[in-house]
Amino acid sequence: IFLLSKGQIYAFSDQTSVMGFSISFGDCFWQKIPPSASNCKAV
């Protein structure tokens, strides 16, 4: 698992092969999450 924050810059190297998932979410979407889960985002 790789965790990237907004503002960070990433790149896959030449000829990289990946199978998996990509999730993107903004702070405004996270606000829909109950407060009990807020610590997890901080961690």
PDB file of all heavy atoms in Angstrom:
ATOM      1  N   ILE A   1       0.847  -1.192   0.000  1.00  0.00           N
ATOM      2  CA  ILE A   1       0.000   0.000   0.000  1.00  0.00           C
ATOM      3  C   ILE A   1       0.885   1.246   0.000  1.00  0.00           C
ATOM      4  O   ILE A   1       1.860   1.324   0.751  1.00  0.00           O
ATOM      5  CB  ILE A   1      -0.901   0.058   1.250  1.00  0.00           C
ATOM      6  CG1 ILE A   1      -1.738  -1.220   1.399  1.00  0.00           C
ATOM      7  CG2 ILE A   1      -1.778   1.305   1.225  1.00  0.00           C
ATOM      8  CD1 ILE A   1      -2.895  -1.339   0.456  1.00  0.00           C
ATOM      9  N   PHE A   2       0.530   2.212  -0.848  1.00  0.00           N
ATOM     10  CA  PHE A   2       1.214   3.502  -0.847  1.00  0.00           C
ATOM     11  C   PHE A   2       0.198   4.594  -0.545  1.00  0.00           C
ATOM     12  O   PHE A   2      -0.881   4.635  -1.153  1.00  0.00           O
ATOM     13  CB  PHE A   2       1.884   3.768  -2.196  1.00  0.00           C
ATOM     14  CG  PHE A   2       3.067   2.880  -2.459  1.00  0.00           C
ATOM     15  CD1 PHE A   2       2.913   1.685  -3.138  1.00  0.00           C
ATOM     16  CD2 PHE A   2       4.331   3.234  -2.011  1.00  0.00           C
ATOM     17  CE1 PHE A   2       3.994   0.857  -3.374  1.00  0.00           C
ATOM     18  CE2 PHE A   2       5.422   2.407  -2.245  1.00  0.00           C
ATOM     19  CZ  PHE A   2       5.257   1.220  -2.923  1.00  0.00           C
ATOM     20  N   LEU A   3       0.545   5.485   0.373  1.00  0.00           N
ATOM     21  CA  LEU A   3      -0.318   6.582   0.790  1.00  0.00           C
ATOM     22  C   LEU A   3       0.307   7.898   0.344  1.00  0.00           C
ATOM     23  O   LEU A   3       1.436   8.210   0.728  1.00  0.00           O
ATOM     24  CB  LEU A   3      -0.488   6.585   2.313  1.00  0.00           C
ATOM     25  CG  LEU A   3      -0.928   5.255   2.939  1.00  0.00           C
ATOM     26  CD1 LEU A   3      -0.808   5.339   4.456  1.00  0.00           C
ATOM     27  CD2 LEU A   3      -2.365   4.940   2.534  1.00  0.00           C
ATOM     28  N   LEU A   4      -0.405   8.662  -0.454  1.00  0.00           N
ATOM     29  CA  LEU A   4       0.097   9.932  -0.951  1.00  0.00           C
ATOM     30  C   LEU A   4      -0.866  11.043  -0.560  1.00  0.00           C
ATOM     31  O   LEU A   4      -2.084  10.879  -0.685  1.00  0.00           O
ATOM     32  CB  LEU A   4       0.265   9.914  -2.475  1.00  0.00           C
ATOM     33  CG  LEU A   4       1.385   9.050  -3.067  1.00  0.00           C
ATOM     34  CD1 LEU A   4       1.026   7.574  -3.039  1.00  0.00           C
ATOM     35  CD2 LEU A   4       1.659   9.480  -4.504  1.00  0.00           C
ATOM     36  N   SER A   5      -0.336  12.163  -0.112  1.00  0.00           N
ATOM     37  CA  SER A   5      -1.155  13.298   0.287  1.00  0.00           C
ATOM     38  C   SER A   5      -1.281  14.300  -0.851  1.00  0.00           C
ATOM     39  O   SER A   5      -0.417  14.372  -1.729  1.00  0.00           O
ATOM     40  CB  SER A   5      -0.546  13.998   1.500  1.00  0.00           C
ATOM     41  OG  SER A   5      -0.605  13.174   2.636  1.00  0.00           O
ATOM     42  N   LYS A   6      -2.345  15.088  -0.809  1.00  0.00           N
ATOM     43  CA  LYS A   6      -2.518  16.133  -1.815  1.00  0.00           C
ATOM     44  C   LYS A   6      -1.298  17.049  -1.796  1.00  0.00           C
ATOM     45  O   LYS A   6      -0.738  17.354  -0.745  1.00  0.00           O
ATOM     46  CB  LYS A   6      -3.789  16.936  -1.554  1.00  0.00           C
ATOM     47  CG  LYS A   6      -3.820  17.661  -0.230  1.00  0.00           C
ATOM     48  CD  LYS A   6      -5.134  18.405  -0.044  1.00  0.00           C
ATOM     49  CE  LYS A   6      -5.161  19.148   1.286  1.00  0.00           C
ATOM     50  NZ  LYS A   6      -6.426  19.867   1.505  1.00  0.00           N
ATOM     51  N   GLY A   7      -0.883  17.456  -2.997  1.00  0.00           N
ATOM     52  CA  GLY A   7       0.295  18.296  -3.123  1.00  0.00           C
ATOM     53  C   GLY A   7       1.555  17.522  -3.431  1.00  0.00           C
ATOM     54  O   GLY A   7       2.515  18.082  -3.974  1.00  0.00           O
ATOM     55  N   GLN A   8       1.582  16.220  -3.121  1.00  0.00           N
ATOM     56  CA  GLN A   8       2.764  15.432  -3.432  1.00  0.00           C
ATOM     57  C   GLN A   8       2.837  15.134  -4.928  1.00  0.00           C
ATOM     58  O   GLN A   8       1.832  15.201  -5.648  1.00  0.00           O
ATOM     59  CB  GLN A   8       2.772  14.121  -2.637  1.00  0.00           C
ATOM     60  CG  GLN A   8       3.043  14.337  -1.155  1.00  0.00           C
ATOM     61  CD  GLN A   8       3.376  13.042  -0.434  1.00  0.00           C
ATOM     62  OE1 GLN A   8       2.516  12.195  -0.244  1.00  0.00           O
ATOM     63  NE2 GLN A   8       4.628  12.893  -0.028  1.00  0.00           N
ATOM     64  N   ILE A   9       4.029  14.803  -5.385  1.00  0.00           N
ATOM     65  CA  ILE A   9       4.273  14.530  -6.805  1.00  0.00           C
ATOM     66  C   ILE A   9       4.779  13.106  -6.941  1.00  0.00           C
ATOM     67  O   ILE A   9       5.691  12.689  -6.226  1.00  0.00           O
ATOM     68  CB  ILE A   9       5.289  15.529  -7.389  1.00  0.00           C
ATOM     69  CG1 ILE A   9       4.699  16.944  -7.344  1.00  0.00           C
ATOM     70  CG2 ILE A   9       5.684  15.158  -8.813  1.00  0.00           C
ATOM     71  CD1 ILE A   9       5.696  18.044  -7.597  1.00  0.00           C
ATOM     72  N   TYR A  10       4.172  12.354  -7.858  1.00  0.00           N
ATOM     73  CA  TYR A  10       4.592  10.967  -8.034  1.00  0.00           C
ATOM     74  C   TYR A  10       4.777  10.645  -9.513  1.00  0.00           C
ATOM     75  O   TYR A  10       4.265  11.330 -10.397  1.00  0.00           O
ATOM     76  CB  TYR A  10       3.556  10.001  -7.435  1.00  0.00           C
ATOM     77  CG  TYR A  10       2.324   9.808  -8.282  1.00  0.00           C
ATOM     78  CD1 TYR A  10       2.254   8.766  -9.214  1.00  0.00           C
ATOM     79  CD2 TYR A  10       1.226  10.654  -8.175  1.00  0.00           C
ATOM     80  CE1 TYR A  10       1.133   8.589 -10.005  1.00  0.00           C
ATOM     81  CE2 TYR A  10       0.100  10.480  -8.957  1.00  0.00           C
ATOM     82  CZ  TYR A  10       0.061   9.442  -9.871  1.00  0.00           C
ATOM     83  OH  TYR A  10      -1.047   9.267 -10.666  1.00  0.00           O
ATOM     84  N   ALA A  11       5.526   9.579  -9.759  1.00  0.00           N
ATOM     85  CA  ALA A  11       5.716   9.087 -11.129  1.00  0.00           C
ATOM     86  C   ALA A  11       6.102   7.619 -11.057  1.00  0.00           C
ATOM     87  O   ALA A  11       6.879   7.209 -10.185  1.00  0.00           O
ATOM     88  CB  ALA A  11       6.793   9.879 -11.862  1.00  0.00           C
ATOM     89  N   PHE A  12       5.542   6.814 -11.975  1.00  0.00           N
ATOM     90  CA  PHE A  12       5.996   5.442 -12.143  1.00  0.00           C
ATOM     91  C   PHE A  12       7.174   5.443 -13.105  1.00  0.00           C
ATOM     92  O   PHE A  12       7.193   6.205 -14.078  1.00  0.00           O
ATOM     93  CB  PHE A  12       4.875   4.558 -12.689  1.00  0.00           C
ATOM     94  CG  PHE A  12       3.790   4.263 -11.694  1.00  0.00           C
ATOM     95  CD1 PHE A  12       2.584   4.955 -11.735  1.00  0.00           C
ATOM     96  CD2 PHE A  12       3.981   3.308 -10.710  1.00  0.00           C
ATOM     97  CE1 PHE A  12       1.577   4.698 -10.819  1.00  0.00           C
ATOM     98  CE2 PHE A  12       2.977   3.037  -9.790  1.00  0.00           C
ATOM     99  CZ  PHE A  12       1.776   3.734  -9.840  1.00  0.00           C
ATOM    100  N   SER A  13       8.151   4.594 -12.847  1.00  0.00           N
ATOM    101  CA  SER A  13       9.331   4.540 -13.709  1.00  0.00           C
ATOM    102  C   SER A  13       8.992   3.903 -15.048  1.00  0.00           C
ATOM    103  O   SER A  13       7.910   3.328 -15.240  1.00  0.00           O
ATOM    104  CB  SER A  13      10.443   3.743 -13.024  1.00  0.00           C
ATOM    105  OG  SER A  13      10.025   2.397 -12.825  1.00  0.00           O
ATOM    106  N   ASP A  14       9.905   4.011 -15.988  1.00  0.00           N
ATOM    107  CA  ASP A  14       9.718   3.413 -17.312  1.00  0.00           C
ATOM    108  C   ASP A  14       9.418   1.923 -17.188  1.00  0.00           C
ATOM    109  O   ASP A  14      10.020   1.215 -16.383  1.00  0.00           O
ATOM    110  CB  ASP A  14      10.983   3.593 -18.166  1.00  0.00           C
ATOM    111  CG  ASP A  14      11.243   5.051 -18.496  1.00  0.00           C
ATOM    112  OD1 ASP A  14      10.355   5.873 -18.232  1.00  0.00           O
ATOM    113  OD2 ASP A  14      12.331   5.346 -19.005  1.00  0.00           O
ATOM    114  N   GLN A  15       8.473   1.452 -18.001  1.00  0.00           N
ATOM    115  CA  GLN A  15       8.146   0.026 -18.113  1.00  0.00           C
ATOM    116  C   GLN A  15       7.689  -0.595 -16.790  1.00  0.00           C
ATOM    117  O   GLN A  15       7.922  -1.775 -16.529  1.00  0.00           O
ATOM    118  CB  GLN A  15       9.351  -0.760 -18.655  1.00  0.00           C
ATOM    119  CG  GLN A  15       9.835  -0.294 -20.016  1.00  0.00           C
ATOM    120  CD  GLN A  15       8.734  -0.349 -21.077  1.00  0.00           C
ATOM    121  OE1 GLN A  15       7.994  -1.324 -21.149  1.00  0.00           O
ATOM    122  NE2 GLN A  15       8.642   0.699 -21.873  1.00  0.00           N
ATOM    123  N   THR A  16       7.026   0.205 -15.969  1.00  0.00           N
ATOM    124  CA  THR A  16       6.475  -0.316 -14.724  1.00  0.00           C
ATOM    125  C   THR A  16       5.150  -1.020 -14.992  1.00  0.00           C
ATOM    126  O   THR A  16       4.325  -0.536 -15.753  1.00  0.00           O
ATOM    127  CB  THR A  16       6.253   0.829 -13.707  1.00  0.00           C
ATOM    128  OG1 THR A  16       7.523   1.300 -13.283  1.00  0.00           O
ATOM    129  CG2 THR A  16       5.462   0.349 -12.495  1.00  0.00           C
ATOM    130  N   SER A  17       4.964  -2.179 -14.369  1.00  0.00           N
ATOM    131  CA  SER A  17       3.727  -2.937 -14.498  1.00  0.00           C
ATOM    132  C   SER A  17       3.042  -2.995 -13.134  1.00  0.00           C
ATOM    133  O   SER A  17       3.672  -3.353 -12.140  1.00  0.00           O
ATOM    134  CB  SER A  17       4.023  -4.349 -14.991  1.00  0.00           C
ATOM    135  OG  SER A  17       2.853  -5.137 -15.018  1.00  0.00           O
ATOM    136  N   VAL A  18       1.771  -2.633 -13.113  1.00  0.00           N
ATOM    137  CA  VAL A  18       1.030  -2.602 -11.847  1.00  0.00           C
ATOM    138  C   VAL A  18      -0.369  -3.162 -12.050  1.00  0.00           C
ATOM    139  O   VAL A  18      -1.038  -2.849 -13.028  1.00  0.00           O
ATOM    140  CB  VAL A  18       0.897  -1.159 -11.303  1.00  0.00           C
ATOM    141  CG1 VAL A  18       0.150  -1.168  -9.977  1.00  0.00           C
ATOM    142  CG2 VAL A  18       2.247  -0.503 -11.136  1.00  0.00           C
ATOM    143  N   MET A  19      -0.808  -3.978 -11.106  1.00  0.00           N
ATOM    144  CA  MET A  19      -2.204  -4.396 -11.041  1.00  0.00           C
ATOM    145  C   MET A  19      -2.689  -4.121  -9.620  1.00  0.00           C
ATOM    146  O   MET A  19      -2.033  -4.499  -8.653  1.00  0.00           O
ATOM    147  CB  MET A  19      -2.362  -5.877 -11.368  1.00  0.00           C
ATOM    148  CG  MET A  19      -3.810  -6.380 -11.231  1.00  0.00           C
ATOM    149  SD  MET A  19      -3.989  -8.143 -11.597  1.00  0.00           S
ATOM    150  CE  MET A  19      -3.856  -8.110 -13.378  1.00  0.00           C
ATOM    151  N   GLY A  20      -3.826  -3.433  -9.519  1.00  0.00           N
ATOM    152  CA  GLY A  20      -4.335  -3.146  -8.190  1.00  0.00           C
ATOM    153  C   GLY A  20      -5.439  -2.113  -8.224  1.00  0.00           C
ATOM    154  O   GLY A  20      -6.278  -2.117  -9.137  1.00  0.00           O
ATOM    155  N   PHE A  21      -5.441  -1.204  -7.244  1.00  0.00           N
ATOM    156  CA  PHE A  21      -6.494  -0.207  -7.107  1.00  0.00           C
ATOM    157  C   PHE A  21      -5.888   1.167  -6.857  1.00  0.00           C
ATOM    158  O   PHE A  21      -4.787   1.285  -6.315  1.00  0.00           O
ATOM    159  CB  PHE A  21      -7.407  -0.540  -5.918  1.00  0.00           C
ATOM    160  CG  PHE A  21      -8.140  -1.842  -6.032  1.00  0.00           C
ATOM    161  CD1 PHE A  21      -7.560  -3.016  -5.586  1.00  0.00           C
ATOM    162  CD2 PHE A  21      -9.420  -1.890  -6.577  1.00  0.00           C
ATOM    163  CE1 PHE A  21      -8.232  -4.220  -5.667  1.00  0.00           C
ATOM    164  CE2 PHE A  21     -10.101  -3.095  -6.661  1.00  0.00           C
ATOM    165  CZ  PHE A  21      -9.510  -4.259  -6.223  1.00  0.00           C
ATOM    166  N   SER A  22      -6.646   2.187  -7.235  1.00  0.00           N
ATOM    167  CA  SER A  22      -6.275   3.565  -6.938  1.00  0.00           C
ATOM    168  C   SER A  22      -7.508   4.284  -6.393  1.00  0.00           C
ATOM    169  O   SER A  22      -8.557   4.297  -7.039  1.00  0.00           O
ATOM    170  CB  SER A  22      -5.772   4.275  -8.199  1.00  0.00           C
ATOM    171  OG  SER A  22      -5.538   5.644  -7.955  1.00  0.00           O
ATOM    172  N   ILE A  23      -7.389   4.846  -5.193  1.00  0.00           N
ATOM    173  CA  ILE A  23      -8.467   5.622  -4.582  1.00  0.00           C
ATOM    174  C   ILE A  23      -8.011   7.060  -4.437  1.00  0.00           C
ATOM    175  O   ILE A  23      -6.901   7.324  -3.955  1.00  0.00           O
ATOM    176  CB  ILE A  23      -8.849   5.076  -3.193  1.00  0.00           C
ATOM    177  CG1 ILE A  23      -9.483   3.684  -3.303  1.00  0.00           C
ATOM    178  CG2 ILE A  23      -9.819   6.018  -2.481  1.00  0.00           C
ATOM    179  CD1 ILE A  23      -9.821   3.064  -1.950  1.00  0.00           C
ATOM    180  N   SER A  24      -8.842   7.997  -4.865  1.00  0.00           N
ATOM    181  CA  SER A  24      -8.586   9.424  -4.669  1.00  0.00           C
ATOM    182  C   SER A  24      -9.740  10.014  -3.869  1.00  0.00           C
ATOM    183  O   SER A  24     -10.900   9.714  -4.141  1.00  0.00           O
ATOM    184  CB  SER A  24      -8.475  10.155  -6.011  1.00  0.00           C
ATOM    185  OG  SER A  24      -7.375   9.677  -6.759  1.00  0.00           O
ATOM    186  N   PHE A  25      -9.409  10.857  -2.891  1.00  0.00           N
ATOM    187  CA  PHE A  25     -10.474  11.513  -2.141  1.00  0.00           C
ATOM    188  C   PHE A  25      -9.988  12.861  -1.615  1.00  0.00           C
ATOM    189  O   PHE A  25      -8.820  13.037  -1.286  1.00  0.00           O
ATOM    190  CB  PHE A  25     -10.981  10.641  -0.985  1.00  0.00           C
ATOM    191  CG  PHE A  25      -9.987  10.435   0.133  1.00  0.00           C
ATOM    192  CD1 PHE A  25      -9.999  11.255   1.253  1.00  0.00           C
ATOM    193  CD2 PHE A  25      -9.049   9.420   0.066  1.00  0.00           C
ATOM    194  CE1 PHE A  25      -9.096  11.069   2.285  1.00  0.00           C
ATOM    195  CE2 PHE A  25      -8.135   9.228   1.081  1.00  0.00           C
ATOM    196  CZ  PHE A  25      -8.156  10.046   2.204  1.00  0.00           C
ATOM    197  N   GLY A  26     -10.914  13.809  -1.566  1.00  0.00           N
ATOM    198  CA  GLY A  26     -10.607  15.139  -1.071  1.00  0.00           C
ATOM    199  C   GLY A  26     -11.044  15.319   0.362  1.00  0.00           C
ATOM    200  O   GLY A  26     -11.810  14.516   0.914  1.00  0.00           O
ATOM    201  N   ASP A  27     -10.570  16.388   0.982  1.00  0.00           N
ATOM    202  CA  ASP A  27     -10.946  16.663   2.370  1.00  0.00           C
ATOM    203  C   ASP A  27     -12.451  16.869   2.515  1.00  0.00           C
ATOM    204  O   ASP A  27     -13.044  16.476   3.520  1.00  0.00           O
ATOM    205  CB  ASP A  27     -10.205  17.901   2.876  1.00  0.00           C
ATOM    206  CG  ASP A  27      -8.715  17.641   3.073  1.00  0.00           C
ATOM    207  OD1 ASP A  27      -8.352  16.494   3.386  1.00  0.00           O
ATOM    208  OD2 ASP A  27      -7.921  18.583   2.907  1.00  0.00           O
ATOM    209  N   CYS A  28     -13.076  17.477   1.495  1.00  0.00           N
ATOM    210  CA  CYS A  28     -14.522  17.721   1.587  1.00  0.00           C
ATOM    211  C   CYS A  28     -15.297  16.403   1.555  1.00  0.00           C
ATOM    212  O   CYS A  28     -16.340  16.272   2.201  1.00  0.00           O
ATOM    213  CB  CYS A  28     -14.992  18.650   0.476  1.00  0.00           C
ATOM    214  SG  CYS A  28     -14.626  18.085  -1.187  1.00  0.00           S
ATOM    215  N   PHE A  29     -14.780  15.391   0.813  1.00  0.00           N
ATOM    216  CA  PHE A  29     -15.435  14.083   0.840  1.00  0.00           C
ATOM    217  C   PHE A  29     -15.219  13.422   2.193  1.00  0.00           C
ATOM    218  O   PHE A  29     -16.127  12.799   2.747  1.00  0.00           O
ATOM    219  CB  PHE A  29     -14.888  13.182  -0.269  1.00  0.00           C
ATOM    220  CG  PHE A  29     -15.525  11.816  -0.285  1.00  0.00           C
ATOM    221  CD1 PHE A  29     -16.759  11.626  -0.894  1.00  0.00           C
ATOM    222  CD2 PHE A  29     -14.907  10.726   0.319  1.00  0.00           C
ATOM    223  CE1 PHE A  29     -17.367  10.369  -0.892  1.00  0.00           C
ATOM    224  CE2 PHE A  29     -15.505   9.476   0.321  1.00  0.00           C
ATOM    225  CZ  PHE A  29     -16.737   9.303  -0.287  1.00  0.00           C
ATOM    226  N   TRP A  30     -14.019  13.573   2.748  1.00  0.00           N
ATOM    227  CA  TRP A  30     -13.727  12.961   4.040  1.00  0.00           C
ATOM    228  C   TRP A  30     -14.635  13.500   5.134  1.00  0.00           C
ATOM    229  O   TRP A  30     -14.910  12.831   6.123  1.00  0.00           O
ATOM    230  CB  TRP A  30     -12.259  13.174   4.415  1.00  0.00           C
ATOM    231  CG  TRP A  30     -11.898  12.516   5.705  1.00  0.00           C
ATOM    232  CD1 TRP A  30     -11.689  13.116   6.904  1.00  0.00           C
ATOM    233  CD2 TRP A  30     -11.746  11.110   5.934  1.00  0.00           C
ATOM    234  NE1 TRP A  30     -11.415  12.176   7.868  1.00  0.00           N
ATOM    235  CE2 TRP A  30     -11.431  10.934   7.299  1.00  0.00           C
ATOM    236  CE3 TRP A  30     -11.835   9.982   5.120  1.00  0.00           C
ATOM    237  CZ2 TRP A  30     -11.216   9.689   7.863  1.00  0.00           C
ATOM    238  CZ3 TRP A  30     -11.614   8.736   5.692  1.00  0.00           C
ATOM    239  CH2 TRP A  30     -11.319   8.594   7.034  1.00  0.00           C
ATOM    240  N   GLN A  31     -15.129  14.719   4.973  1.00  0.00           N
ATOM    241  CA  GLN A  31     -16.014  15.306   5.976  1.00  0.00           C
ATOM    242  C   GLN A  31     -17.330  14.541   6.096  1.00  0.00           C
ATOM    243  O   GLN A  31     -18.060  14.705   7.078  1.00  0.00           O
ATOM    244  CB  GLN A  31     -16.281  16.772   5.644  1.00  0.00           C
ATOM    245  CG  GLN A  31     -15.056  17.654   5.840  1.00  0.00           C
ATOM    246  CD  GLN A  31     -15.239  19.058   5.299  1.00  0.00           C
ATOM    247  OE1 GLN A  31     -16.321  19.420   4.832  1.00  0.00           O
ATOM    248  NE2 GLN A  31     -14.182  19.852   5.347  1.00  0.00           N
ATOM    249  N   LYS A  32     -17.634  13.708   5.093  1.00  0.00           N
ATOM    250  CA  LYS A  32     -18.819  12.857   5.187  1.00  0.00           C
ATOM    251  C   LYS A  32     -18.604  11.702   6.165  1.00  0.00           C
ATOM    252  O   LYS A  32     -19.554  11.052   6.577  1.00  0.00           O
ATOM    253  CB  LYS A  32     -19.166  12.278   3.802  1.00  0.00           C
ATOM    254  CG  LYS A  32     -19.532  13.315   2.748  1.00  0.00           C
ATOM    255  CD  LYS A  32     -19.781  12.634   1.409  1.00  0.00           C
ATOM    256  CE  LYS A  32     -20.119  13.647   0.326  1.00  0.00           C
ATOM    257  NZ  LYS A  32     -21.432  14.288   0.560  1.00  0.00           N
ATOM    258  N   ILE A  33     -17.331  11.445   6.474  1.00  0.00           N
ATOM    259  CA  ILE A  33     -17.004  10.343   7.373  1.00  0.00           C
ATOM    260  C   ILE A  33     -17.358  10.733   8.802  1.00  0.00           C
ATOM    261  O   ILE A  33     -17.118  11.857   9.228  1.00  0.00           O
ATOM    262  CB  ILE A  33     -15.495  10.029   7.301  1.00  0.00           C
ATOM    263  CG1 ILE A  33     -15.071   9.727   5.857  1.00  0.00           C
ATOM    264  CG2 ILE A  33     -15.129   8.884   8.218  1.00  0.00           C
ATOM    265  CD1 ILE A  33     -15.624   8.465   5.298  1.00  0.00           C
ATOM    266  N   PRO A  34     -17.936   9.830   9.590  1.00  0.00           N
ATOM    267  CA  PRO A  34     -18.223  10.139  10.993  1.00  0.00           C
ATOM    268  C   PRO A  34     -16.960  10.566  11.743  1.00  0.00           C
ATOM    269  O   PRO A  34     -15.864  10.080  11.445  1.00  0.00           O
ATOM    270  CB  PRO A  34     -18.759   8.802  11.538  1.00  0.00           C
ATOM    271  CG  PRO A  34     -19.298   8.101  10.337  1.00  0.00           C
ATOM    272  CD  PRO A  34     -18.394   8.490   9.202  1.00  0.00           C
ATOM    273  N   PRO A  35     -17.080  11.458  12.720  1.00  0.00           N
ATOM    274  CA  PRO A  35     -15.922  11.948  13.469  1.00  0.00           C
ATOM    275  C   PRO A  35     -15.082  10.844  14.101  1.00  0.00           C
ATOM    276  O   PRO A  35     -13.891  11.014  14.311  1.00  0.00           O
ATOM    277  CB  PRO A  35     -16.553  12.846  14.541  1.00  0.00           C
ATOM    278  CG  PRO A  35     -17.849  13.290  13.955  1.00  0.00           C
ATOM    279  CD  PRO A  35     -18.331  12.119  13.139  1.00  0.00           C
ATOM    280  N   SER A  36     -15.695   9.718  14.395  1.00  0.00           N
ATOM    281  CA  SER A  36     -14.970   8.625  15.047  1.00  0.00           C
ATOM    282  C   SER A  36     -13.833   8.090  14.195  1.00  0.00           C
ATOM    283  O   SER A  36     -12.926   7.426  14.701  1.00  0.00           O
ATOM    284  CB  SER A  36     -15.929   7.474  15.375  1.00  0.00           C
ATOM    285  OG  SER A  36     -16.539   6.969  14.195  1.00  0.00           O
ATOM    286  N   ALA A  37     -13.859   8.363  12.895  1.00  0.00           N
ATOM    287  CA  ALA A  37     -12.804   7.859  12.006  1.00  0.00           C
ATOM    288  C   ALA A  37     -11.746   8.908  11.700  1.00  0.00           C
ATOM    289  O   ALA A  37     -10.785   8.621  10.996  1.00  0.00           O
ATOM    290  CB  ALA A  37     -13.421   7.370  10.690  1.00  0.00           C
ATOM    291  N   SER A  38     -11.889  10.116  12.228  1.00  0.00           N
ATOM    292  CA  SER A  38     -10.976  11.197  11.856  1.00  0.00           C
ATOM    293  C   SER A  38      -9.544  10.908  12.255  1.00  0.00           C
ATOM    294  O   SER A  38      -8.599  11.303  11.571  1.00  0.00           O
ATOM    295  CB  SER A  38     -11.437  12.521  12.481  1.00  0.00           C
ATOM    296  OG  SER A  38     -11.422  12.428  13.900  1.00  0.00           O
ATOM    297  N   ASN A  39      -9.341  10.206  13.367  1.00  0.00           N
ATOM    298  CA  ASN A  39      -7.986   9.893  13.806  1.00  0.00           C
ATOM    299  C   ASN A  39      -7.244   9.031  12.794  1.00  0.00           C
ATOM    300  O   ASN A  39      -6.020   9.119  12.661  1.00  0.00           O
ATOM    301  CB  ASN A  39      -8.009   9.174  15.157  1.00  0.00           C
ATOM    302  CG  ASN A  39      -8.334  10.114  16.296  1.00  0.00           C
ATOM    303  OD1 ASN A  39      -8.179  11.322  16.175  1.00  0.00           O
ATOM    304  ND2 ASN A  39      -8.790   9.566  17.405  1.00  0.00           N
ATOM    305  N   CYS A  40      -7.969   8.180  12.080  1.00  0.00           N
ATOM    306  CA  CYS A  40      -7.321   7.295  11.104  1.00  0.00           C
ATOM    307  C   CYS A  40      -6.684   8.096   9.975  1.00  0.00           C
ATOM    308  O   CYS A  40      -5.588   7.787   9.522  1.00  0.00           O
ATOM    309  CB  CYS A  40      -8.331   6.295  10.546  1.00  0.00           C
ATOM    310  SG  CYS A  40      -9.017   5.200  11.796  1.00  0.00           S
ATOM    311  N   LYS A  41      -7.373   9.134   9.511  1.00  0.00           N
ATOM    312  CA  LYS A  41      -6.803   9.975   8.464  1.00  0.00           C
ATOM    313  C   LYS A  41      -5.553  10.676   8.971  1.00  0.00           C
ATOM    314  O   LYS A  41      -4.558  10.800   8.253  1.00  0.00           O
ATOM    315  CB  LYS A  41      -7.823  11.004   7.968  1.00  0.00           C
ATOM    316  CG  LYS A  41      -7.279  11.925   6.872  1.00  0.00           C
ATOM    317  CD  LYS A  41      -8.380  12.803   6.322  1.00  0.00           C
ATOM    318  CE  LYS A  41      -7.843  13.799   5.295  1.00  0.00           C
ATOM    319  NZ  LYS A  41      -7.067  14.877   5.919  1.00  0.00           N
ATOM    320  N   ALA A  42      -5.585  11.138  10.216  1.00  0.00           N
ATOM    321  CA  ALA A  42      -4.412  11.793  10.785  1.00  0.00           C
ATOM    322  C   ALA A  42      -3.228  10.840  10.855  1.00  0.00           C
ATOM    323  O   ALA A  42      -2.096  11.197  10.527  1.00  0.00           O
ATOM    324  CB  ALA A  42      -4.747  12.339  12.174  1.00  0.00           C
ATOM    325  N   VAL A  43      -3.496   9.608  11.276  1.00  0.00           N
ATOM    326  CA  VAL A  43      -2.435   8.608  11.380  1.00  0.00           C
ATOM    327  C   VAL A  43      -1.809   8.325  10.017  1.00  0.00           C
ATOM    328  O   VAL A  43      -0.598   8.207   9.875  1.00  0.00           O
ATOM    329  CB  VAL A  43      -2.994   7.294  11.979  1.00  0.00           C
ATOM    330  CG1 VAL A  43      -2.003   6.149  11.807  1.00  0.00           C
ATOM    331  CG2 VAL A  43      -3.318   7.493  13.450  1.00  0.00           C
TER     332      VAL A  43
END
